């Protein structure tokens, strides 16, 4: 597996995205919801990969929810960088095997390797159940470490 590292600008949040796929094989998605559009979000996930998120100071991590409230959008309170989204339970940052995530390639150190033209996606018409099922199928396992 290759590990693509990254994180927020100030270093409070670090990322490790493990995948056997070459970045050219991974679909880059540009969600068209108002939150993602405002952040210029380009996201990837590998259902057979894994995302490890390490947070130095949990108090400096903002967990933002909107819409159907089925995911936590992780933003560093210190520097404002949107790094990932996590879904899986009512408490989206549950620490178990059900949590799934996408990583925002703008937060990866080697973001230029993910050079596919982003596919614009719009999930506004999905029901809560449809959204959760899609994320279980397309997002990747995630582990979050604090401290």
N, C-alpha and C. Protein backbone atom coordinates (compact mmCIF):
# COMPACT_ATOMS: atom_id res chain seq x y z
N UNK A 1 0.83 -1.19 0.00
CA UNK A 1 0.00 0.00 0.00
C UNK A 1 0.87 1.25 0.00
N UNK A 2 0.41 2.25 -0.69
CA UNK A 2 1.05 3.55 -0.68
C UNK A 2 0.30 4.43 0.32
N UNK A 3 1.04 5.21 1.09
CA UNK A 3 0.43 6.13 2.04
C UNK A 3 0.65 7.55 1.54
N UNK A 4 -0.46 8.24 1.31
CA UNK A 4 -0.42 9.65 0.93
C UNK A 4 -0.66 10.45 2.21
N UNK A 5 0.30 11.29 2.57
CA UNK A 5 0.21 12.03 3.82
C UNK A 5 -0.23 13.47 3.55
N UNK A 6 -0.64 14.11 4.62
CA UNK A 6 -1.04 15.51 4.50
C UNK A 6 -1.61 15.98 5.82
N UNK A 7 -2.41 17.02 5.75
CA UNK A 7 -3.03 17.56 6.94
C UNK A 7 -3.40 19.01 6.75
N UNK A 8 -3.73 19.62 7.85
CA UNK A 8 -4.10 21.03 7.81
C UNK A 8 -2.85 21.90 7.74
N UNK A 9 -3.02 23.19 7.57
CA UNK A 9 -1.91 24.12 7.40
C UNK A 9 -1.06 24.26 8.66
N UNK A 10 -1.69 24.30 9.84
CA UNK A 10 -0.95 24.53 11.09
C UNK A 10 -0.36 23.26 11.69
N UNK A 11 -0.74 22.09 11.18
CA UNK A 11 -0.19 20.83 11.66
C UNK A 11 -0.98 20.18 12.78
N UNK A 12 -2.10 20.74 13.18
CA UNK A 12 -2.91 20.12 14.23
C UNK A 12 -3.54 18.81 13.77
N UNK A 13 -3.91 18.74 12.51
CA UNK A 13 -4.53 17.53 11.95
C UNK A 13 -3.59 16.96 10.91
N UNK A 14 -3.25 15.68 11.06
CA UNK A 14 -2.42 14.97 10.08
C UNK A 14 -3.23 13.84 9.47
N UNK A 15 -2.96 13.56 8.21
CA UNK A 15 -3.68 12.54 7.46
C UNK A 15 -2.72 11.49 6.92
N UNK A 16 -3.20 10.26 6.86
CA UNK A 16 -2.50 9.18 6.18
C UNK A 16 -3.52 8.38 5.39
N UNK A 17 -3.53 8.53 4.07
CA UNK A 17 -4.47 7.85 3.19
C UNK A 17 -3.73 6.69 2.54
N UNK A 18 -4.09 5.47 2.93
CA UNK A 18 -3.45 4.25 2.40
C UNK A 18 -4.30 3.64 1.31
N UNK A 19 -3.67 3.33 0.18
CA UNK A 19 -4.38 2.73 -0.95
C UNK A 19 -3.38 1.94 -1.80
N UNK A 20 -3.88 0.91 -2.44
CA UNK A 20 -3.07 0.18 -3.42
C UNK A 20 -3.23 0.77 -4.82
N UNK A 21 -4.19 1.67 -4.98
CA UNK A 21 -4.45 2.28 -6.28
C UNK A 21 -3.49 3.42 -6.56
N UNK A 22 -3.11 3.58 -7.82
CA UNK A 22 -2.35 4.74 -8.24
C UNK A 22 -3.32 5.92 -8.24
N UNK A 23 -2.87 7.12 -7.87
CA UNK A 23 -3.77 8.27 -7.88
C UNK A 23 -4.51 8.47 -9.20
N UNK A 24 -3.91 8.08 -10.32
CA UNK A 24 -4.57 8.23 -11.61
C UNK A 24 -5.77 7.29 -11.77
N UNK A 25 -5.87 6.28 -10.88
CA UNK A 25 -6.97 5.31 -10.94
C UNK A 25 -8.13 5.68 -10.01
N UNK A 26 -7.98 6.72 -9.23
CA UNK A 26 -8.98 7.06 -8.22
C UNK A 26 -9.83 8.23 -8.73
N UNK A 27 -11.13 8.03 -8.74
CA UNK A 27 -12.03 9.09 -9.18
C UNK A 27 -12.00 10.26 -8.19
N UNK A 28 -11.77 11.43 -8.72
CA UNK A 28 -11.81 12.66 -7.92
C UNK A 28 -13.22 13.22 -8.06
N UNK A 29 -13.87 13.46 -6.91
CA UNK A 29 -15.23 13.97 -6.93
C UNK A 29 -15.28 15.41 -6.42
N UNK A 30 -16.05 16.22 -7.11
CA UNK A 30 -16.28 17.61 -6.71
C UNK A 30 -17.76 17.73 -6.36
N UNK A 31 -18.06 17.55 -5.08
CA UNK A 31 -19.44 17.66 -4.63
C UNK A 31 -19.94 19.08 -4.92
N UNK A 32 -21.20 19.18 -5.31
CA UNK A 32 -21.76 20.46 -5.68
C UNK A 32 -22.66 21.06 -4.60
N UNK A 33 -22.60 20.52 -3.38
CA UNK A 33 -23.35 21.15 -2.29
C UNK A 33 -22.70 22.50 -1.97
N UNK A 34 -23.44 23.36 -1.32
CA UNK A 34 -22.92 24.71 -1.08
C UNK A 34 -21.67 24.70 -0.20
N UNK A 35 -21.57 23.78 0.76
CA UNK A 35 -20.39 23.71 1.62
C UNK A 35 -19.15 23.36 0.79
N UNK A 36 -19.23 22.28 0.01
CA UNK A 36 -18.07 21.83 -0.77
C UNK A 36 -17.69 22.82 -1.85
N UNK A 37 -18.66 23.43 -2.49
CA UNK A 37 -18.37 24.44 -3.52
C UNK A 37 -17.60 25.60 -2.90
N UNK A 38 -18.03 26.04 -1.72
CA UNK A 38 -17.36 27.17 -1.07
C UNK A 38 -15.93 26.83 -0.64
N UNK A 39 -15.66 25.54 -0.40
CA UNK A 39 -14.31 25.12 -0.01
C UNK A 39 -13.47 24.65 -1.19
N UNK A 40 -14.02 24.63 -2.38
CA UNK A 40 -13.26 24.13 -3.53
C UNK A 40 -12.89 22.67 -3.33
N UNK A 41 -13.79 21.93 -2.73
CA UNK A 41 -13.51 20.55 -2.33
C UNK A 41 -13.32 19.62 -3.51
N UNK A 42 -12.26 18.83 -3.42
CA UNK A 42 -12.01 17.71 -4.34
C UNK A 42 -11.72 16.53 -3.43
N UNK A 43 -12.57 15.50 -3.49
CA UNK A 43 -12.48 14.40 -2.54
C UNK A 43 -12.21 13.07 -3.23
N UNK A 44 -11.52 12.19 -2.51
CA UNK A 44 -11.29 10.83 -2.99
C UNK A 44 -11.52 9.86 -1.84
N UNK A 45 -11.76 8.62 -2.22
CA UNK A 45 -11.87 7.53 -1.26
C UNK A 45 -11.57 6.23 -2.00
N UNK A 46 -11.05 5.28 -1.28
CA UNK A 46 -10.83 3.93 -1.80
C UNK A 46 -11.46 2.98 -0.79
N UNK A 47 -12.59 2.35 -1.13
CA UNK A 47 -13.26 1.45 -0.18
C UNK A 47 -12.35 0.34 0.34
N UNK A 48 -11.29 0.00 -0.41
CA UNK A 48 -10.34 -1.02 0.03
C UNK A 48 -9.12 -0.41 0.70
N UNK A 49 -9.10 0.90 0.83
CA UNK A 49 -8.00 1.60 1.48
C UNK A 49 -8.34 1.93 2.92
N UNK A 50 -7.67 2.94 3.45
CA UNK A 50 -7.90 3.35 4.84
C UNK A 50 -7.39 4.78 5.02
N UNK A 51 -8.10 5.53 5.86
CA UNK A 51 -7.68 6.86 6.22
C UNK A 51 -7.40 6.90 7.71
N UNK A 52 -6.23 7.38 8.07
CA UNK A 52 -5.89 7.58 9.48
C UNK A 52 -5.77 9.08 9.70
N UNK A 53 -6.53 9.56 10.68
CA UNK A 53 -6.52 10.98 11.04
C UNK A 53 -5.94 11.10 12.43
N UNK A 54 -4.91 11.90 12.57
CA UNK A 54 -4.27 12.14 13.87
C UNK A 54 -4.47 13.60 14.23
N UNK A 55 -5.03 13.83 15.41
CA UNK A 55 -5.35 15.18 15.86
C UNK A 55 -4.57 15.45 17.15
N UNK A 56 -3.71 16.47 17.14
CA UNK A 56 -2.93 16.82 18.32
C UNK A 56 -3.81 17.37 19.42
N UNK A 57 -4.64 18.36 19.09
CA UNK A 57 -5.48 19.05 20.07
C UNK A 57 -6.93 18.98 19.60
N UNK A 58 -7.70 18.07 20.21
CA UNK A 58 -9.09 17.87 19.79
C UNK A 58 -9.93 19.14 19.90
N UNK A 59 -9.60 20.01 20.84
CA UNK A 59 -10.34 21.26 21.01
C UNK A 59 -10.19 22.17 19.78
N UNK A 60 -9.14 21.96 19.00
CA UNK A 60 -8.90 22.77 17.80
C UNK A 60 -9.46 22.11 16.54
N UNK A 61 -10.25 21.05 16.71
CA UNK A 61 -10.88 20.37 15.57
C UNK A 61 -12.36 20.71 15.57
N UNK A 62 -12.84 21.26 14.48
CA UNK A 62 -14.26 21.60 14.34
C UNK A 62 -14.94 20.49 13.58
N UNK A 63 -16.04 19.99 14.12
CA UNK A 63 -16.87 18.97 13.48
C UNK A 63 -18.15 19.65 13.04
N UNK A 64 -18.27 19.88 11.76
CA UNK A 64 -19.41 20.63 11.24
C UNK A 64 -20.40 19.68 10.58
N UNK A 65 -21.69 19.89 10.85
CA UNK A 65 -22.74 19.11 10.21
C UNK A 65 -23.75 20.06 9.60
N UNK A 66 -24.41 19.61 8.54
CA UNK A 66 -25.48 20.39 7.91
C UNK A 66 -26.38 19.43 7.15
N UNK A 67 -27.43 19.94 6.56
CA UNK A 67 -28.33 19.12 5.74
C UNK A 67 -28.93 17.98 6.53
N UNK A 68 -28.72 16.76 6.06
CA UNK A 68 -29.27 15.57 6.71
C UNK A 68 -28.51 15.18 7.98
N UNK A 69 -27.40 15.85 8.25
CA UNK A 69 -26.58 15.59 9.44
C UNK A 69 -26.11 14.13 9.52
N UNK A 70 -25.67 13.62 8.38
CA UNK A 70 -25.21 12.23 8.32
C UNK A 70 -23.69 12.10 8.28
N UNK A 71 -23.00 13.23 8.36
CA UNK A 71 -21.53 13.20 8.35
C UNK A 71 -20.99 14.38 9.15
N UNK A 72 -19.78 14.21 9.63
CA UNK A 72 -19.03 15.30 10.25
C UNK A 72 -17.98 15.75 9.24
N UNK A 73 -17.96 17.05 8.96
CA UNK A 73 -16.97 17.65 8.08
C UNK A 73 -15.89 18.23 8.99
N UNK A 74 -14.68 17.73 8.87
CA UNK A 74 -13.60 18.07 9.79
C UNK A 74 -12.81 19.26 9.29
N UNK A 75 -12.79 20.29 10.12
CA UNK A 75 -12.12 21.55 9.79
C UNK A 75 -11.25 21.93 10.97
N UNK A 76 -10.02 22.32 10.71
CA UNK A 76 -9.15 22.78 11.78
C UNK A 76 -9.61 24.16 12.22
N UNK A 77 -9.87 24.32 13.52
CA UNK A 77 -10.27 25.63 14.06
C UNK A 77 -9.14 26.65 13.99
N UNK A 78 -7.90 26.18 14.01
CA UNK A 78 -6.75 27.08 14.03
C UNK A 78 -6.49 27.71 12.67
N UNK A 79 -6.42 26.88 11.62
CA UNK A 79 -6.05 27.40 10.30
C UNK A 79 -7.18 27.36 9.28
N UNK A 80 -8.29 26.70 9.60
CA UNK A 80 -9.46 26.71 8.73
C UNK A 80 -9.47 25.71 7.60
N UNK A 81 -8.54 24.77 7.56
CA UNK A 81 -8.48 23.82 6.44
C UNK A 81 -9.49 22.69 6.65
N UNK A 82 -10.27 22.42 5.60
CA UNK A 82 -11.21 21.29 5.54
C UNK A 82 -10.40 20.08 5.08
N UNK A 83 -10.31 19.02 5.93
CA UNK A 83 -9.42 17.90 5.64
C UNK A 83 -10.12 16.61 5.25
N UNK A 84 -11.34 16.36 5.79
CA UNK A 84 -12.01 15.08 5.55
C UNK A 84 -13.45 15.17 6.00
N UNK A 85 -14.23 14.17 5.60
CA UNK A 85 -15.59 14.00 6.09
C UNK A 85 -15.72 12.57 6.56
N UNK A 86 -16.45 12.40 7.67
CA UNK A 86 -16.62 11.08 8.28
C UNK A 86 -18.10 10.83 8.52
N UNK A 87 -18.53 9.61 8.20
CA UNK A 87 -19.91 9.18 8.44
C UNK A 87 -19.88 7.78 9.04
N UNK A 88 -20.98 7.38 9.65
CA UNK A 88 -21.03 6.01 10.14
C UNK A 88 -22.05 5.76 11.20
N UNK A 89 -22.31 6.71 12.03
CA UNK A 89 -23.27 6.57 13.12
C UNK A 89 -23.94 7.91 13.35
N UNK A 90 -24.89 7.92 14.28
CA UNK A 90 -25.49 9.21 14.66
C UNK A 90 -24.39 10.12 15.17
N UNK A 91 -23.45 9.54 15.93
CA UNK A 91 -22.25 10.28 16.31
C UNK A 91 -21.20 9.91 15.27
N UNK A 92 -21.08 10.73 14.25
CA UNK A 92 -20.27 10.37 13.08
C UNK A 92 -18.81 10.10 13.41
N UNK A 93 -18.30 10.60 14.54
CA UNK A 93 -16.92 10.34 14.88
C UNK A 93 -16.84 9.18 15.87
N UNK A 94 -17.70 8.21 15.71
CA UNK A 94 -17.64 7.02 16.55
C UNK A 94 -16.35 6.28 16.24
N UNK A 95 -15.72 5.73 17.25
CA UNK A 95 -14.46 5.02 17.04
C UNK A 95 -14.72 3.52 16.91
N UNK A 96 -15.23 3.11 15.77
CA UNK A 96 -15.37 1.69 15.52
C UNK A 96 -15.30 1.42 14.03
N UNK A 97 -15.47 0.17 13.65
CA UNK A 97 -15.26 -0.24 12.26
C UNK A 97 -16.33 0.24 11.30
N UNK A 98 -17.41 0.82 11.78
CA UNK A 98 -18.47 1.28 10.91
C UNK A 98 -18.19 2.65 10.30
N UNK A 99 -17.35 3.43 10.90
CA UNK A 99 -17.08 4.78 10.40
C UNK A 99 -16.39 4.71 9.04
N UNK A 100 -16.82 5.58 8.13
CA UNK A 100 -16.27 5.65 6.77
C UNK A 100 -15.93 7.10 6.49
N UNK A 101 -14.99 7.32 5.54
CA UNK A 101 -14.53 8.68 5.30
C UNK A 101 -14.15 8.91 3.84
N UNK A 102 -14.08 10.20 3.51
CA UNK A 102 -13.43 10.67 2.29
C UNK A 102 -12.31 11.60 2.75
N UNK A 103 -11.30 11.74 1.93
CA UNK A 103 -10.23 12.68 2.22
C UNK A 103 -10.26 13.77 1.17
N UNK A 104 -9.99 14.97 1.60
CA UNK A 104 -9.96 16.12 0.71
C UNK A 104 -8.55 16.23 0.15
N UNK A 105 -8.40 16.04 -1.16
CA UNK A 105 -7.05 15.99 -1.72
C UNK A 105 -6.33 17.32 -1.63
N UNK A 106 -7.05 18.42 -1.47
CA UNK A 106 -6.38 19.70 -1.27
C UNK A 106 -5.53 19.69 0.00
N UNK A 107 -5.85 18.79 0.94
CA UNK A 107 -5.11 18.70 2.20
C UNK A 107 -3.96 17.68 2.13
N UNK A 108 -3.78 17.01 1.00
CA UNK A 108 -2.69 16.03 0.87
C UNK A 108 -1.42 16.71 0.36
N UNK A 109 -0.28 16.24 0.84
CA UNK A 109 1.00 16.80 0.42
C UNK A 109 1.26 16.59 -1.07
N UNK A 110 0.80 15.45 -1.61
CA UNK A 110 1.05 15.14 -3.02
C UNK A 110 -0.23 15.30 -3.86
N UNK A 111 -1.03 16.32 -3.54
CA UNK A 111 -2.32 16.56 -4.20
C UNK A 111 -2.20 16.63 -5.73
N UNK A 112 -1.06 17.08 -6.22
CA UNK A 112 -0.91 17.21 -7.68
C UNK A 112 -0.91 15.86 -8.37
N UNK A 113 -0.66 14.77 -7.64
CA UNK A 113 -0.70 13.43 -8.24
C UNK A 113 -2.12 12.98 -8.54
N UNK A 114 -3.10 13.57 -7.85
CA UNK A 114 -4.51 13.24 -8.08
C UNK A 114 -5.01 14.21 -9.15
N UNK A 115 -4.60 13.95 -10.38
CA UNK A 115 -4.76 14.95 -11.44
C UNK A 115 -5.92 14.68 -12.39
N UNK A 116 -6.77 13.73 -12.06
CA UNK A 116 -7.96 13.52 -12.89
C UNK A 116 -8.86 14.74 -12.81
N UNK A 117 -9.55 15.02 -13.89
CA UNK A 117 -10.55 16.09 -13.87
C UNK A 117 -11.65 15.67 -12.89
N UNK A 118 -11.99 16.52 -11.93
CA UNK A 118 -13.02 16.12 -10.95
C UNK A 118 -14.37 15.88 -11.61
N UNK A 119 -15.06 14.86 -11.12
CA UNK A 119 -16.42 14.55 -11.55
C UNK A 119 -17.35 15.33 -10.64
N UNK A 120 -18.18 16.19 -11.22
CA UNK A 120 -19.13 16.96 -10.41
C UNK A 120 -20.28 16.04 -10.00
N UNK A 121 -20.55 16.00 -8.71
CA UNK A 121 -21.61 15.14 -8.18
C UNK A 121 -22.55 15.98 -7.33
N UNK A 122 -23.82 15.61 -7.36
CA UNK A 122 -24.84 16.31 -6.59
C UNK A 122 -25.71 15.27 -5.92
N UNK A 123 -25.71 15.26 -4.60
CA UNK A 123 -26.42 14.25 -3.83
C UNK A 123 -27.65 14.82 -3.12
N UNK A 124 -28.08 16.02 -3.50
CA UNK A 124 -29.19 16.67 -2.81
C UNK A 124 -30.48 15.87 -2.86
N UNK A 125 -30.71 15.07 -3.89
CA UNK A 125 -31.96 14.31 -4.03
C UNK A 125 -31.96 13.01 -3.22
N UNK A 126 -30.83 12.65 -2.62
CA UNK A 126 -30.77 11.40 -1.86
C UNK A 126 -31.54 11.50 -0.56
N UNK A 127 -32.17 10.39 -0.19
CA UNK A 127 -32.76 10.28 1.15
C UNK A 127 -31.64 9.98 2.13
N UNK A 128 -31.93 10.07 3.41
CA UNK A 128 -30.93 9.76 4.43
C UNK A 128 -30.43 8.32 4.26
N UNK A 129 -31.33 7.36 4.03
CA UNK A 129 -30.94 5.96 3.87
C UNK A 129 -30.07 5.76 2.62
N UNK A 130 -30.41 6.42 1.53
CA UNK A 130 -29.62 6.32 0.30
C UNK A 130 -28.22 6.89 0.51
N UNK A 131 -28.16 8.00 1.19
CA UNK A 131 -26.86 8.64 1.44
C UNK A 131 -25.98 7.74 2.30
N UNK A 132 -26.54 7.17 3.35
CA UNK A 132 -25.77 6.29 4.22
C UNK A 132 -25.30 5.05 3.48
N UNK A 133 -26.16 4.47 2.63
CA UNK A 133 -25.78 3.28 1.86
C UNK A 133 -24.66 3.60 0.88
N UNK A 134 -24.75 4.76 0.20
CA UNK A 134 -23.69 5.15 -0.75
C UNK A 134 -22.36 5.31 -0.03
N UNK A 135 -22.39 5.94 1.12
CA UNK A 135 -21.15 6.15 1.86
C UNK A 135 -20.56 4.83 2.35
N UNK A 136 -21.40 3.90 2.81
CA UNK A 136 -20.88 2.59 3.23
C UNK A 136 -20.20 1.88 2.06
N UNK A 137 -20.73 2.04 0.87
CA UNK A 137 -20.19 1.35 -0.31
C UNK A 137 -18.97 2.05 -0.91
N UNK A 138 -18.94 3.39 -0.91
CA UNK A 138 -17.92 4.12 -1.66
C UNK A 138 -16.85 4.79 -0.82
N UNK A 139 -17.15 5.07 0.45
CA UNK A 139 -16.16 5.72 1.31
C UNK A 139 -15.26 4.66 1.92
N UNK A 140 -14.23 5.06 2.63
CA UNK A 140 -13.24 4.10 3.14
C UNK A 140 -13.24 4.05 4.67
N UNK A 141 -12.75 2.93 5.21
CA UNK A 141 -12.60 2.84 6.67
C UNK A 141 -11.70 3.95 7.17
N UNK A 142 -11.96 4.39 8.39
CA UNK A 142 -11.20 5.49 8.98
C UNK A 142 -10.88 5.18 10.43
N UNK A 143 -9.72 5.64 10.84
CA UNK A 143 -9.27 5.55 12.24
C UNK A 143 -8.89 6.95 12.67
N UNK A 144 -9.34 7.34 13.86
CA UNK A 144 -9.03 8.67 14.36
C UNK A 144 -8.26 8.53 15.66
N UNK A 145 -7.13 9.21 15.74
CA UNK A 145 -6.30 9.19 16.94
C UNK A 145 -6.18 10.60 17.49
N UNK A 146 -6.40 10.74 18.79
CA UNK A 146 -6.31 12.03 19.46
C UNK A 146 -5.12 12.05 20.40
N UNK A 147 -4.46 13.21 20.45
CA UNK A 147 -3.38 13.38 21.43
C UNK A 147 -2.00 13.18 20.91
